[in-house]
mmCIF file of all heavy atoms, coordinates in Angstrom:
data_MODEL
# 
_entry.id   MODEL 
# 
loop_
_atom_site.group_PDB 
_atom_site.id 
_atom_site.type_symbol 
_atom_site.label_atom_id 
_atom_site.label_alt_id 
_atom_site.label_comp_id 
_atom_site.label_asym_id 
_atom_site.label_entity_id 
_atom_site.label_seq_id 
_atom_site.pdbx_PDB_ins_code 
_atom_site.Cartn_x 
_atom_site.Cartn_y 
_atom_site.Cartn_z 
_atom_site.occupancy 
_atom_site.B_iso_or_equiv 
_atom_site.pdbx_formal_charge 
_atom_site.auth_seq_id 
_atom_site.auth_comp_id 
_atom_site.auth_asym_id 
_atom_site.auth_atom_id 
_atom_site.pdbx_PDB_model_num 
ATOM 1   N N   . LEU A 1 1  ? 339.440 202.256 94.924  1.00 0.00 ? 1  LEU A N   1 
ATOM 2   C CA  . LEU A 1 1  ? 338.849 201.269 95.837  1.00 0.00 ? 1  LEU A CA  1 
ATOM 3   C C   . LEU A 1 1  ? 339.184 199.852 95.384  1.00 0.00 ? 1  LEU A C   1 
ATOM 4   O O   . LEU A 1 1  ? 339.523 198.990 96.204  1.00 0.00 ? 1  LEU A O   1 
ATOM 5   C CB  . LEU A 1 1  ? 337.339 201.466 95.895  1.00 0.00 ? 1  LEU A CB  1 
ATOM 6   C CG  . LEU A 1 1  ? 336.566 200.621 96.912  1.00 0.00 ? 1  LEU A CG  1 
ATOM 7   C CD1 . LEU A 1 1  ? 336.987 200.958 98.335  1.00 0.00 ? 1  LEU A CD1 1 
ATOM 8   C CD2 . LEU A 1 1  ? 335.067 200.836 96.738  1.00 0.00 ? 1  LEU A CD2 1 
ATOM 9   N N   . LEU A 1 2  ? 339.111 199.590 94.071  1.00 0.00 ? 2  LEU A N   1 
ATOM 10  C CA  . LEU A 1 2  ? 339.480 198.272 93.554  1.00 0.00 ? 2  LEU A CA  1 
ATOM 11  C C   . LEU A 1 2  ? 340.933 197.952 93.893  1.00 0.00 ? 2  LEU A C   1 
ATOM 12  O O   . LEU A 1 2  ? 341.250 196.839 94.328  1.00 0.00 ? 2  LEU A O   1 
ATOM 13  C CB  . LEU A 1 2  ? 339.269 198.217 92.046  1.00 0.00 ? 2  LEU A CB  1 
ATOM 14  C CG  . LEU A 1 2  ? 337.818 198.228 91.541  1.00 0.00 ? 2  LEU A CG  1 
ATOM 15  C CD1 . LEU A 1 2  ? 337.801 198.262 90.013  1.00 0.00 ? 2  LEU A CD1 1 
ATOM 16  C CD2 . LEU A 1 2  ? 337.049 197.020 92.052  1.00 0.00 ? 2  LEU A CD2 1 
ATOM 17  N N   . ARG A 1 3  ? 341.818 198.904 93.669  1.00 0.00 ? 3  ARG A N   1 
ATOM 18  C CA  . ARG A 1 3  ? 343.240 198.663 93.966  1.00 0.00 ? 3  ARG A CA  1 
ATOM 19  C C   . ARG A 1 3  ? 343.467 198.451 95.462  1.00 0.00 ? 3  ARG A C   1 
ATOM 20  O O   . ARG A 1 3  ? 344.299 197.625 95.866  1.00 0.00 ? 3  ARG A O   1 
ATOM 21  C CB  . ARG A 1 3  ? 344.082 199.835 93.457  1.00 0.00 ? 3  ARG A CB  1 
ATOM 22  C CG  . ARG A 1 3  ? 344.121 199.940 91.921  1.00 0.00 ? 3  ARG A CG  1 
ATOM 23  C CD  . ARG A 1 3  ? 345.026 201.082 91.474  1.00 0.00 ? 3  ARG A CD  1 
ATOM 24  N NE  . ARG A 1 3  ? 344.993 201.283 90.045  1.00 0.00 ? 3  ARG A NE  1 
ATOM 25  C CZ  . ARG A 1 3  ? 345.716 200.606 89.156  1.00 0.00 ? 3  ARG A CZ  1 
ATOM 26  N NH1 . ARG A 1 3  ? 346.552 199.648 89.587  1.00 0.00 ? 3  ARG A NH1 1 
ATOM 27  N NH2 . ARG A 1 3  ? 345.650 200.876 87.860  1.00 0.00 ? 3  ARG A NH2 1 
ATOM 28  N N   . ALA A 1 4  ? 342.719 199.176 96.294  1.00 0.00 ? 4  ALA A N   1 
ATOM 29  C CA  . ALA A 1 4  ? 342.866 199.001 97.742  1.00 0.00 ? 4  ALA A CA  1 
ATOM 30  C C   . ALA A 1 4  ? 342.403 197.612 98.169  1.00 0.00 ? 4  ALA A C   1 
ATOM 31  O O   . ALA A 1 4  ? 343.002 197.002 99.068  1.00 0.00 ? 4  ALA A O   1 
ATOM 32  C CB  . ALA A 1 4  ? 342.072 200.080 98.480  1.00 0.00 ? 4  ALA A CB  1 
ATOM 33  N N   . CYS A 1 5  ? 341.365 197.099 97.529  1.00 0.00 ? 5  CYS A N   1 
ATOM 34  C CA  . CYS A 1 5  ? 340.928 195.733 97.820  1.00 0.00 ? 5  CYS A CA  1 
ATOM 35  C C   . CYS A 1 5  ? 342.028 194.727 97.493  1.00 0.00 ? 5  CYS A C   1 
ATOM 36  O O   . CYS A 1 5  ? 342.126 193.666 98.120  1.00 0.00 ? 5  CYS A O   1 
ATOM 37  C CB  . CYS A 1 5  ? 339.668 195.392 97.030  1.00 0.00 ? 5  CYS A CB  1 
ATOM 38  S SG  . CYS A 1 5  ? 338.161 196.175 97.652  1.00 0.00 ? 5  CYS A SG  1 
ATOM 39  N N   . GLY A 1 6  ? 342.847 195.058 96.512  1.00 0.00 ? 6  GLY A N   1 
ATOM 40  C CA  . GLY A 1 6  ? 343.963 194.194 96.139  1.00 0.00 ? 6  GLY A CA  1 
ATOM 41  C C   . GLY A 1 6  ? 345.034 194.087 97.201  1.00 0.00 ? 6  GLY A C   1 
ATOM 42  O O   . GLY A 1 6  ? 345.872 193.178 97.153  1.00 0.00 ? 6  GLY A O   1 
ATOM 43  N N   . GLN A 1 7  ? 345.010 195.002 98.163  1.00 0.00 ? 7  GLN A N   1 
ATOM 44  C CA  . GLN A 1 7  ? 346.012 194.996 99.233  1.00 0.00 ? 7  GLN A CA  1 
ATOM 45  C C   . GLN A 1 7  ? 345.545 194.221 100.463 1.00 0.00 ? 7  GLN A C   1 
ATOM 46  O O   . GLN A 1 7  ? 346.301 194.091 101.429 1.00 0.00 ? 7  GLN A O   1 
ATOM 47  C CB  . GLN A 1 7  ? 346.335 196.447 99.647  1.00 0.00 ? 7  GLN A CB  1 
ATOM 48  C CG  . GLN A 1 7  ? 346.853 197.317 98.518  1.00 0.00 ? 7  GLN A CG  1 
ATOM 49  C CD  . GLN A 1 7  ? 348.124 196.766 97.891  1.00 0.00 ? 7  GLN A CD  1 
ATOM 50  O OE1 . GLN A 1 7  ? 349.069 196.425 98.615  1.00 0.00 ? 7  GLN A OE1 1 
ATOM 51  N NE2 . GLN A 1 7  ? 348.157 196.666 96.573  1.00 0.00 ? 7  GLN A NE2 1 
ATOM 52  N N   . ILE A 1 8  ? 344.306 193.722 100.444 1.00 0.00 ? 8  ILE A N   1 
ATOM 53  C CA  . ILE A 1 8  ? 343.766 193.035 101.622 1.00 0.00 ? 8  ILE A CA  1 
ATOM 54  C C   . ILE A 1 8  ? 344.171 191.561 101.579 1.00 0.00 ? 8  ILE A C   1 
ATOM 55  O O   . ILE A 1 8  ? 343.725 190.800 100.729 1.00 0.00 ? 8  ILE A O   1 
ATOM 56  C CB  . ILE A 1 8  ? 342.233 193.186 101.674 1.00 0.00 ? 8  ILE A CB  1 
ATOM 57  C CG1 . ILE A 1 8  ? 341.871 194.660 101.820 1.00 0.00 ? 8  ILE A CG1 1 
ATOM 58  C CG2 . ILE A 1 8  ? 341.654 192.359 102.832 1.00 0.00 ? 8  ILE A CG2 1 
ATOM 59  C CD1 . ILE A 1 8  ? 340.381 194.946 101.796 1.00 0.00 ? 8  ILE A CD1 1 
ATOM 60  N N   . GLU A 1 9  ? 345.013 191.180 102.510 1.00 0.00 ? 9  GLU A N   1 
ATOM 61  C CA  . GLU A 1 9  ? 345.517 189.814 102.546 1.00 0.00 ? 9  GLU A CA  1 
ATOM 62  C C   . GLU A 1 9  ? 344.394 188.835 102.866 1.00 0.00 ? 9  GLU A C   1 
ATOM 63  O O   . GLU A 1 9  ? 343.589 189.059 103.768 1.00 0.00 ? 9  GLU A O   1 
ATOM 64  C CB  . GLU A 1 9  ? 346.619 189.704 103.602 1.00 0.00 ? 9  GLU A CB  1 
ATOM 65  C CG  . GLU A 1 9  ? 347.334 188.361 103.603 1.00 0.00 ? 9  GLU A CG  1 
ATOM 66  C CD  . GLU A 1 9  ? 348.502 188.316 104.568 1.00 0.00 ? 9  GLU A CD  1 
ATOM 67  O OE1 . GLU A 1 9  ? 348.863 189.377 105.113 1.00 0.00 ? 9  GLU A OE1 1 
ATOM 68  O OE2 . GLU A 1 9  ? 349.038 187.214 104.780 1.00 0.00 ? 9  GLU A OE2 1 
ATOM 69  N N   . GLY A 1 10 ? 344.336 187.759 102.079 1.00 0.00 ? 10 GLY A N   1 
ATOM 70  C CA  . GLY A 1 10 ? 343.312 186.749 102.289 1.00 0.00 ? 10 GLY A CA  1 
ATOM 71  C C   . GLY A 1 10 ? 342.076 186.929 101.425 1.00 0.00 ? 10 GLY A C   1 
ATOM 72  O O   . GLY A 1 10 ? 341.238 186.026 101.349 1.00 0.00 ? 10 GLY A O   1 
ATOM 73  N N   . LEU A 1 11 ? 341.952 188.079 100.777 1.00 0.00 ? 11 LEU A N   1 
ATOM 74  C CA  . LEU A 1 11 ? 340.819 188.319 99.880  1.00 0.00 ? 11 LEU A CA  1 
ATOM 75  C C   . LEU A 1 11 ? 341.207 187.823 98.485  1.00 0.00 ? 11 LEU A C   1 
ATOM 76  O O   . LEU A 1 11 ? 342.090 188.387 97.843  1.00 0.00 ? 11 LEU A O   1 
ATOM 77  C CB  . LEU A 1 11 ? 340.474 189.808 99.838  1.00 0.00 ? 11 LEU A CB  1 
ATOM 78  C CG  . LEU A 1 11 ? 339.314 190.221 98.923  1.00 0.00 ? 11 LEU A CG  1 
ATOM 79  C CD1 . LEU A 1 11 ? 338.030 189.504 99.291  1.00 0.00 ? 11 LEU A CD1 1 
ATOM 80  C CD2 . LEU A 1 11 ? 339.119 191.737 98.972  1.00 0.00 ? 11 LEU A CD2 1 
ATOM 81  N N   . GLU A 1 12 ? 340.558 186.758 98.029  1.00 0.00 ? 12 GLU A N   1 
ATOM 82  C CA  . GLU A 1 12 ? 340.987 186.099 96.794  1.00 0.00 ? 12 GLU A CA  1 
ATOM 83  C C   . GLU A 1 12 ? 340.256 186.574 95.547  1.00 0.00 ? 12 GLU A C   1 
ATOM 84  O O   . GLU A 1 12 ? 340.809 186.535 94.453  1.00 0.00 ? 12 GLU A O   1 
ATOM 85  C CB  . GLU A 1 12 ? 340.832 184.580 96.926  1.00 0.00 ? 12 GLU A CB  1 
ATOM 86  C CG  . GLU A 1 12 ? 341.683 183.985 98.039  1.00 0.00 ? 12 GLU A CG  1 
ATOM 87  C CD  . GLU A 1 12 ? 341.697 182.465 98.000  1.00 0.00 ? 12 GLU A CD  1 
ATOM 88  O OE1 . GLU A 1 12 ? 341.308 181.878 96.966  1.00 0.00 ? 12 GLU A OE1 1 
ATOM 89  O OE2 . GLU A 1 12 ? 342.105 181.854 99.010  1.00 0.00 ? 12 GLU A OE2 1 
ATOM 90  N N   . ARG A 1 13 ? 338.999 186.985 95.685  1.00 0.00 ? 13 ARG A N   1 
ATOM 91  C CA  . ARG A 1 13 ? 338.210 187.362 94.512  1.00 0.00 ? 13 ARG A CA  1 
ATOM 92  C C   . ARG A 1 13 ? 337.386 188.617 94.804  1.00 0.00 ? 13 ARG A C   1 
ATOM 93  O O   . ARG A 1 13 ? 336.662 188.665 95.791  1.00 0.00 ? 13 ARG A O   1 
ATOM 94  C CB  . ARG A 1 13 ? 337.267 186.219 94.090  1.00 0.00 ? 13 ARG A CB  1 
ATOM 95  C CG  . ARG A 1 13 ? 338.003 184.963 93.647  1.00 0.00 ? 13 ARG A CG  1 
ATOM 96  C CD  . ARG A 1 13 ? 337.042 183.911 93.128  1.00 0.00 ? 13 ARG A CD  1 
ATOM 97  N NE  . ARG A 1 13 ? 337.763 182.746 92.621  1.00 0.00 ? 13 ARG A NE  1 
ATOM 98  C CZ  . ARG A 1 13 ? 337.211 181.738 91.957  1.00 0.00 ? 13 ARG A CZ  1 
ATOM 99  N NH1 . ARG A 1 13 ? 335.906 181.755 91.714  1.00 0.00 ? 13 ARG A NH1 1 
ATOM 100 N NH2 . ARG A 1 13 ? 337.936 180.729 91.523  1.00 0.00 ? 13 ARG A NH2 1 
ATOM 101 N N   . VAL A 1 14 ? 337.513 189.584 93.927  1.00 0.00 ? 14 VAL A N   1 
ATOM 102 C CA  . VAL A 1 14 ? 336.746 190.828 94.025  1.00 0.00 ? 14 VAL A CA  1 
ATOM 103 C C   . VAL A 1 14 ? 335.944 190.994 92.744  1.00 0.00 ? 14 VAL A C   1 
ATOM 104 O O   . VAL A 1 14 ? 336.491 190.893 91.642  1.00 0.00 ? 14 VAL A O   1 
ATOM 105 C CB  . VAL A 1 14 ? 337.659 192.053 94.233  1.00 0.00 ? 14 VAL A CB  1 
ATOM 106 C CG1 . VAL A 1 14 ? 336.828 193.336 94.299  1.00 0.00 ? 14 VAL A CG1 1 
ATOM 107 C CG2 . VAL A 1 14 ? 338.493 191.891 95.490  1.00 0.00 ? 14 VAL A CG2 1 
ATOM 108 N N   . ARG A 1 15 ? 334.644 191.226 92.885  1.00 0.00 ? 15 ARG A N   1 
ATOM 109 C CA  . ARG A 1 15 ? 333.766 191.498 91.745  1.00 0.00 ? 15 ARG A CA  1 
ATOM 110 C C   . ARG A 1 15 ? 332.998 192.786 92.037  1.00 0.00 ? 15 ARG A C   1 
ATOM 111 O O   . ARG A 1 15 ? 333.017 193.293 93.156  1.00 0.00 ? 15 ARG A O   1 
ATOM 112 C CB  . ARG A 1 15 ? 332.779 190.343 91.520  1.00 0.00 ? 15 ARG A CB  1 
ATOM 113 C CG  . ARG A 1 15 ? 333.421 188.971 91.404  1.00 0.00 ? 15 ARG A CG  1 
ATOM 114 C CD  . ARG A 1 15 ? 332.387 187.898 91.057  1.00 0.00 ? 15 ARG A CD  1 
ATOM 115 N NE  . ARG A 1 15 ? 332.927 186.561 91.194  1.00 0.00 ? 15 ARG A NE  1 
ATOM 116 C CZ  . ARG A 1 15 ? 333.649 185.939 90.276  1.00 0.00 ? 15 ARG A CZ  1 
ATOM 117 N NH1 . ARG A 1 15 ? 333.928 186.562 89.142  1.00 0.00 ? 15 ARG A NH1 1 
ATOM 118 N NH2 . ARG A 1 15 ? 334.105 184.717 90.459  1.00 0.00 ? 15 ARG A NH2 1 
ATOM 119 N N   . PHE A 1 16 ? 332.276 193.290 91.050  1.00 0.00 ? 16 PHE A N   1 
ATOM 120 C CA  . PHE A 1 16 ? 331.417 194.449 91.288  1.00 0.00 ? 16 PHE A CA  1 
ATOM 121 C C   . PHE A 1 16 ? 330.254 194.420 90.308  1.00 0.00 ? 16 PHE A C   1 
ATOM 122 O O   . PHE A 1 16 ? 330.355 193.890 89.204  1.00 0.00 ? 16 PHE A O   1 
ATOM 123 C CB  . PHE A 1 16 ? 332.193 195.764 91.161  1.00 0.00 ? 16 PHE A CB  1 
ATOM 124 C CG  . PHE A 1 16 ? 332.878 195.978 89.838  1.00 0.00 ? 16 PHE A CG  1 
ATOM 125 C CD1 . PHE A 1 16 ? 332.219 196.605 88.775  1.00 0.00 ? 16 PHE A CD1 1 
ATOM 126 C CD2 . PHE A 1 16 ? 334.192 195.572 89.650  1.00 0.00 ? 16 PHE A CD2 1 
ATOM 127 C CE1 . PHE A 1 16 ? 332.860 196.812 87.561  1.00 0.00 ? 16 PHE A CE1 1 
ATOM 128 C CE2 . PHE A 1 16 ? 334.835 195.777 88.439  1.00 0.00 ? 16 PHE A CE2 1 
ATOM 129 C CZ  . PHE A 1 16 ? 334.167 196.393 87.389  1.00 0.00 ? 16 PHE A CZ  1 
ATOM 130 N N   . THR A 1 17 ? 329.146 194.998 90.736  1.00 0.00 ? 17 THR A N   1 
ATOM 131 C CA  . THR A 1 17 ? 327.951 195.084 89.887  1.00 0.00 ? 17 THR A CA  1 
ATOM 132 C C   . THR A 1 17 ? 327.038 196.167 90.439  1.00 0.00 ? 17 THR A C   1 
ATOM 133 O O   . THR A 1 17 ? 326.985 196.367 91.645  1.00 0.00 ? 17 THR A O   1 
ATOM 134 C CB  . THR A 1 17 ? 327.235 193.713 89.822  1.00 0.00 ? 17 THR A CB  1 
ATOM 135 O OG1 . THR A 1 17 ? 326.336 193.699 88.746  1.00 0.00 ? 17 THR A OG1 1 
ATOM 136 C CG2 . THR A 1 17 ? 326.509 193.382 91.105  1.00 0.00 ? 17 THR A CG2 1 
ATOM 137 N N   . SER A 1 18 ? 326.338 196.910 89.549  1.00 0.00 ? 18 SER A N   1 
ATOM 138 C CA  . SER A 1 18 ? 326.480 196.913 88.098  1.00 0.00 ? 18 SER A CA  1 
ATOM 139 C C   . SER A 1 18 ? 327.008 198.272 87.679  1.00 0.00 ? 18 SER A C   1 
ATOM 140 O O   . SER A 1 18 ? 326.541 199.277 88.214  1.00 0.00 ? 18 SER A O   1 
ATOM 141 C CB  . SER A 1 18 ? 325.132 196.698 87.422  1.00 0.00 ? 18 SER A CB  1 
ATOM 142 O OG  . SER A 1 18 ? 324.650 195.403 87.587  1.00 0.00 ? 18 SER A OG  1 
ATOM 143 N N   . PRO A 1 19 ? 327.907 198.311 86.728  1.00 0.00 ? 19 PRO A N   1 
ATOM 144 C CA  . PRO A 1 19 ? 328.416 199.598 86.253  1.00 0.00 ? 19 PRO A CA  1 
ATOM 145 C C   . PRO A 1 19 ? 327.504 200.201 85.188  1.00 0.00 ? 19 PRO A C   1 
ATOM 146 O O   . PRO A 1 19 ? 326.569 199.559 84.716  1.00 0.00 ? 19 PRO A O   1 
ATOM 147 C CB  . PRO A 1 19 ? 329.775 199.228 85.659  1.00 0.00 ? 19 PRO A CB  1 
ATOM 148 C CG  . PRO A 1 19 ? 329.564 197.834 85.155  1.00 0.00 ? 19 PRO A CG  1 
ATOM 149 C CD  . PRO A 1 19 ? 328.603 197.178 86.114  1.00 0.00 ? 19 PRO A CD  1 
ATOM 150 N N   . HIS A 1 20 ? 327.788 201.427 84.803  1.00 0.00 ? 20 HIS A N   1 
ATOM 151 C CA  . HIS A 1 20 ? 327.070 202.133 83.739  1.00 0.00 ? 20 HIS A CA  1 
ATOM 152 C C   . HIS A 1 20 ? 328.105 202.558 82.701  1.00 0.00 ? 20 HIS A C   1 
ATOM 153 O O   . HIS A 1 20 ? 329.160 203.088 83.061  1.00 0.00 ? 20 HIS A O   1 
ATOM 154 C CB  . HIS A 1 20 ? 326.357 203.361 84.312  1.00 0.00 ? 20 HIS A CB  1 
ATOM 155 C CG  . HIS A 1 20 ? 325.390 204.014 83.376  1.00 0.00 ? 20 HIS A CG  1 
ATOM 156 N ND1 . HIS A 1 20 ? 325.785 204.656 82.232  1.00 0.00 ? 20 HIS A ND1 1 
ATOM 157 C CD2 . HIS A 1 20 ? 324.040 204.130 83.430  1.00 0.00 ? 20 HIS A CD2 1 
ATOM 158 C CE1 . HIS A 1 20 ? 324.722 205.146 81.610  1.00 0.00 ? 20 HIS A CE1 1 
ATOM 159 N NE2 . HIS A 1 20 ? 323.651 204.833 82.313  1.00 0.00 ? 20 HIS A NE2 1 
ATOM 160 N N   . PRO A 1 21 ? 327.832 202.319 81.424  1.00 0.00 ? 21 PRO A N   1 
ATOM 161 C CA  . PRO A 1 21 ? 328.824 202.677 80.398  1.00 0.00 ? 21 PRO A CA  1 
ATOM 162 C C   . PRO A 1 21 ? 329.256 204.138 80.445  1.00 0.00 ? 21 PRO A C   1 
ATOM 163 O O   . PRO A 1 21 ? 330.413 204.451 80.141  1.00 0.00 ? 21 PRO A O   1 
ATOM 164 C CB  . PRO A 1 21 ? 328.094 202.356 79.084  1.00 0.00 ? 21 PRO A CB  1 
ATOM 165 C CG  . PRO A 1 21 ? 327.127 201.277 79.451  1.00 0.00 ? 21 PRO A CG  1 
ATOM 166 C CD  . PRO A 1 21 ? 326.667 201.610 80.840  1.00 0.00 ? 21 PRO A CD  1 
ATOM 167 N N   . ARG A 1 22 ? 328.346 205.027 80.842  1.00 0.00 ? 22 ARG A N   1 
ATOM 168 C CA  . ARG A 1 22 ? 328.698 206.452 80.887  1.00 0.00 ? 22 ARG A CA  1 
ATOM 169 C C   . ARG A 1 22 ? 329.876 206.713 81.811  1.00 0.00 ? 22 ARG A C   1 
ATOM 170 O O   . ARG A 1 22 ? 330.738 207.551 81.532  1.00 0.00 ? 22 ARG A O   1 
ATOM 171 C CB  . ARG A 1 22 ? 327.491 207.268 81.370  1.00 0.00 ? 22 ARG A CB  1 
ATOM 172 C CG  . ARG A 1 22 ? 327.739 208.771 81.427  1.00 0.00 ? 22 ARG A CG  1 
ATOM 173 C CD  . ARG A 1 22 ? 326.667 209.472 82.238  1.00 0.00 ? 22 ARG A CD  1 
ATOM 174 N NE  . ARG A 1 22 ? 326.724 209.058 83.640  1.00 0.00 ? 22 ARG A NE  1 
ATOM 175 C CZ  . ARG A 1 22 ? 325.791 209.355 84.538  1.00 0.00 ? 22 ARG A CZ  1 
ATOM 176 N NH1 . ARG A 1 22 ? 324.710 210.005 84.167  1.00 0.00 ? 22 ARG A NH1 1 
ATOM 177 N NH2 . ARG A 1 22 ? 325.910 208.949 85.788  1.00 0.00 ? 22 ARG A NH2 1 
ATOM 178 N N   . ASP A 1 23 ? 329.915 206.010 82.935  1.00 0.00 ? 23 ASP A N   1 
ATOM 179 C CA  . ASP A 1 23 ? 330.914 206.275 83.963  1.00 0.00 ? 23 ASP A CA  1 
ATOM 180 C C   . ASP A 1 23 ? 332.090 205.306 83.923  1.00 0.00 ? 23 ASP A C   1 
ATOM 181 O O   . ASP A 1 23 ? 332.949 205.358 84.809  1.00 0.00 ? 23 ASP A O   1 
ATOM 182 C CB  . ASP A 1 23 ? 330.255 206.205 85.343  1.00 0.00 ? 23 ASP A CB  1 
ATOM 183 C CG  . ASP A 1 23 ? 329.095 207.165 85.479  1.00 0.00 ? 23 ASP A CG  1 
ATOM 184 O OD1 . ASP A 1 23 ? 329.328 208.374 85.309  1.00 0.00 ? 23 ASP A OD1 1 
ATOM 185 O OD2 . ASP A 1 23 ? 327.968 206.712 85.740  1.00 0.00 ? 23 ASP A OD2 1 
ATOM 186 N N   . PHE A 1 24 ? 332.115 204.428 82.920  1.00 0.00 ? 24 PHE A N   1 
ATOM 187 C CA  . PHE A 1 24 ? 333.160 203.400 82.899  1.00 0.00 ? 24 PHE A CA  1 
ATOM 188 C C   . PHE A 1 24 ? 334.410 203.963 82.229  1.00 0.00 ? 24 PHE A C   1 
ATOM 189 O O   . PHE A 1 24 ? 334.468 204.133 81.019  1.00 0.00 ? 24 PHE A O   1 
ATOM 190 C CB  . PHE A 1 24 ? 332.672 202.155 82.170  1.00 0.00 ? 24 PHE A CB  1 
ATOM 191 C CG  . PHE A 1 24 ? 333.420 200.921 82.557  1.00 0.00 ? 24 PHE A CG  1 
ATOM 192 C CD1 . PHE A 1 24 ? 333.127 200.262 83.742  1.00 0.00 ? 24 PHE A CD1 1 
ATOM 193 C CD2 . PHE A 1 24 ? 334.429 200.421 81.763  1.00 0.00 ? 24 PHE A CD2 1 
ATOM 194 C CE1 . PHE A 1 24 ? 333.824 199.132 84.125  1.00 0.00 ? 24 PHE A CE1 1 
ATOM 195 C CE2 . PHE A 1 24 ? 335.139 199.290 82.132  1.00 0.00 ? 24 PHE A CE2 1 
ATOM 196 C CZ  . PHE A 1 24 ? 334.832 198.642 83.322  1.00 0.00 ? 24 PHE A CZ  1 
# 
């Protein structure tokens, strides 16, 4: 999903919250 967001033209900044260390 993160990589797919990288393909969206005009989208300059992508962030996410909150992760869990177990699944990172």
